């Protein structure tokens, strides 16, 4: 695995994590 591939995976992972957190936060606030 190249560093570039790992960077892309981490980027995607962080995006998903951020989206999940946003959804959870909104869900909890309602």
PDB file of N, CA and C in Angstrom:
ATOM      1  N   UNK A   1       0.855  -1.203   0.000  1.00  0.00           N
ATOM      2  CA  UNK A   1       0.000   0.000   0.000  1.00  0.00           C
ATOM      3  C   UNK A   1       0.891   1.253   0.000  1.00  0.00           C
ATOM      4  N   UNK A   2       0.526   2.173  -0.863  1.00  0.00           N
ATOM      5  CA  UNK A   2       1.289   3.415  -0.904  1.00  0.00           C
ATOM      6  C   UNK A   2       0.715   4.409   0.101  1.00  0.00           C
ATOM      7  N   UNK A   3       1.501   5.414   0.419  1.00  0.00           N
ATOM      8  CA  UNK A   3       1.044   6.443   1.360  1.00  0.00           C
ATOM      9  C   UNK A   3      -0.180   7.159   0.811  1.00  0.00           C
ATOM     10  N   UNK A   4      -0.202   7.330  -0.504  1.00  0.00           N
ATOM     11  CA  UNK A   4      -1.322   8.035  -1.128  1.00  0.00           C
ATOM     12  C   UNK A   4      -2.628   7.288  -0.883  1.00  0.00           C
ATOM     13  N   UNK A   5      -2.593   5.990  -1.056  1.00  0.00           N
ATOM     14  CA  UNK A   5      -3.796   5.166  -0.845  1.00  0.00           C
ATOM     15  C   UNK A   5      -4.245   5.268   0.612  1.00  0.00           C
ATOM     16  N   UNK A   6      -3.302   5.191   1.513  1.00  0.00           N
ATOM     17  CA  UNK A   6      -3.619   5.280   2.947  1.00  0.00           C
ATOM     18  C   UNK A   6      -4.223   6.650   3.247  1.00  0.00           C
ATOM     19  N   UNK A   7      -3.644   7.691   2.675  1.00  0.00           N
ATOM     20  CA  UNK A   7      -4.181   9.043   2.871  1.00  0.00           C
ATOM     21  C   UNK A   7      -5.629   9.112   2.411  1.00  0.00           C
ATOM     22  N   UNK A   8      -5.908   8.540   1.262  1.00  0.00           N
ATOM     23  CA  UNK A   8      -7.279   8.559   0.720  1.00  0.00           C
ATOM     24  C   UNK A   8      -8.234   7.807   1.641  1.00  0.00           C
ATOM     25  N   UNK A   9      -7.797   6.660   2.117  1.00  0.00           N
ATOM     26  CA  UNK A   9      -8.637   5.859   3.013  1.00  0.00           C
ATOM     27  C   UNK A   9      -8.927   6.611   4.303  1.00  0.00           C
ATOM     28  N   UNK A  10      -7.911   7.230   4.846  1.00  0.00           N
ATOM     29  CA  UNK A  10      -8.070   7.995   6.090  1.00  0.00           C
ATOM     30  C   UNK A  10      -9.028   9.159   5.857  1.00  0.00           C
ATOM     31  N   UNK A  11      -8.885   9.789   4.710  1.00  0.00           N
ATOM     32  CA  UNK A  11      -9.757  10.916   4.368  1.00  0.00           C
ATOM     33  C   UNK A  11     -11.211  10.457   4.325  1.00  0.00           C
ATOM     34  N   UNK A  12     -11.461   9.358   3.637  1.00  0.00           N
ATOM     35  CA  UNK A  12     -12.819   8.806   3.535  1.00  0.00           C
ATOM     36  C   UNK A  12     -13.348   8.430   4.914  1.00  0.00           C
ATOM     37  N   UNK A  13     -12.518   7.775   5.685  1.00  0.00           N
ATOM     38  CA  UNK A  13     -12.894   7.341   7.029  1.00  0.00           C
ATOM     39  C   UNK A  13     -13.292   8.543   7.887  1.00  0.00           C
ATOM     40  N   UNK A  14     -12.494   9.600   7.809  1.00  0.00           N
ATOM     41  CA  UNK A  14     -12.785  10.798   8.593  1.00  0.00           C
ATOM     42  C   UNK A  14     -14.090  11.439   8.151  1.00  0.00           C
ATOM     43  N   UNK A  15     -14.339  11.446   6.854  1.00  0.00           N
ATOM     44  CA  UNK A  15     -15.593  12.012   6.335  1.00  0.00           C
ATOM     45  C   UNK A  15     -16.783  11.233   6.876  1.00  0.00           C
ATOM     46  N   UNK A  16     -16.703   9.921   6.799  1.00  0.00           N
ATOM     47  CA  UNK A  16     -17.791   9.065   7.284  1.00  0.00           C
ATOM     48  C   UNK A  16     -17.994   9.286   8.783  1.00  0.00           C
ATOM     49  N   UNK A  17     -16.903   9.302   9.513  1.00  0.00           N
ATOM     50  CA  UNK A  17     -16.966   9.500  10.959  1.00  0.00           C
ATOM     51  C   UNK A  17     -17.636  10.831  11.279  1.00  0.00           C
ATOM     52  N   UNK A  18     -17.239  11.864  10.544  1.00  0.00           N
ATOM     53  CA  UNK A  18     -17.811  13.192  10.754  1.00  0.00           C
ATOM     54  C   UNK A  18     -19.312  13.183  10.479  1.00  0.00           C
ATOM     55  N   UNK A  19     -19.717  12.530   9.408  1.00  0.00           N
ATOM     56  CA  UNK A  19     -21.141  12.452   9.057  1.00  0.00           C
ATOM     57  C   UNK A  19     -21.927  11.709  10.125  1.00  0.00           C
ATOM     58  N   UNK A  20     -21.367  10.629  10.609  1.00  0.00           N
ATOM     59  CA  UNK A  20     -22.032   9.839  11.651  1.00  0.00           C
ATOM     60  C   UNK A  20     -22.194  10.690  12.911  1.00  0.00           C
ATOM     61  N   UNK A  21     -21.157  11.399  13.281  1.00  0.00           N
ATOM     62  CA  UNK A  21     -21.219  12.255  14.469  1.00  0.00           C
ATOM     63  C   UNK A  21     -22.274  13.332  14.300  1.00  0.00           C
ATOM     64  N   UNK A  22     -22.344  13.923  13.113  1.00  0.00           N
ATOM     65  CA  UNK A  22     -23.332  14.970  12.845  1.00  0.00           C
ATOM     66  C   UNK A  22     -24.740  14.411  12.998  1.00  0.00           C
ATOM     67  N   UNK A  23     -24.966  13.250  12.423  1.00  0.00           N
ATOM     68  CA  UNK A  23     -26.286  12.611  12.494  1.00  0.00           C
ATOM     69  C   UNK A  23     -26.640  12.299  13.940  1.00  0.00           C
ATOM     70  N   UNK A  24     -25.697  11.742  14.670  1.00  0.00           N
ATOM     71  CA  UNK A  24     -25.939  11.395  16.072  1.00  0.00           C
ATOM     72  C   UNK A  24     -26.258  12.648  16.875  1.00  0.00           C
ATOM     73  N   UNK A  25     -25.495  13.691  16.645  1.00  0.00           N
ATOM     74  CA  UNK A  25     -25.706  14.941  17.376  1.00  0.00           C
ATOM     75  C   UNK A  25     -27.097  15.486  17.102  1.00  0.00           C
ATOM     76  N   UNK A  26     -27.481  15.506  15.846  1.00  0.00           N
ATOM     77  CA  UNK A  26     -28.812  16.000  15.479  1.00  0.00           C
ATOM     78  C   UNK A  26     -29.892  15.118  16.106  1.00  0.00           C
ATOM     79  N   UNK A  27     -29.687  13.828  16.041  1.00  0.00           N
ATOM     80  CA  UNK A  27     -30.656  12.868  16.578  1.00  0.00           C
ATOM     81  C   UNK A  27     -30.847  13.081  18.083  1.00  0.00           C
ATOM     82  N   UNK A  28     -29.749  13.281  18.778  1.00  0.00           N
ATOM     83  CA  UNK A  28     -29.793  13.465  20.237  1.00  0.00           C
ATOM     84  C   UNK A  28     -30.486  14.784  20.582  1.00  0.00           C
ATOM     85  N   UNK A  29     -30.254  15.803  19.787  1.00  0.00           N
ATOM     86  CA  UNK A  29     -30.822  17.124  20.081  1.00  0.00           C
ATOM     87  C   UNK A  29     -32.325  17.185  19.864  1.00  0.00           C
ATOM     88  N   UNK A  30     -32.825  16.318  19.008  1.00  0.00           N
ATOM     89  CA  UNK A  30     -34.262  16.361  18.700  1.00  0.00           C
ATOM     90  C   UNK A  30     -35.064  15.777  19.861  1.00  0.00           C
TER      91      UNK A  30
END
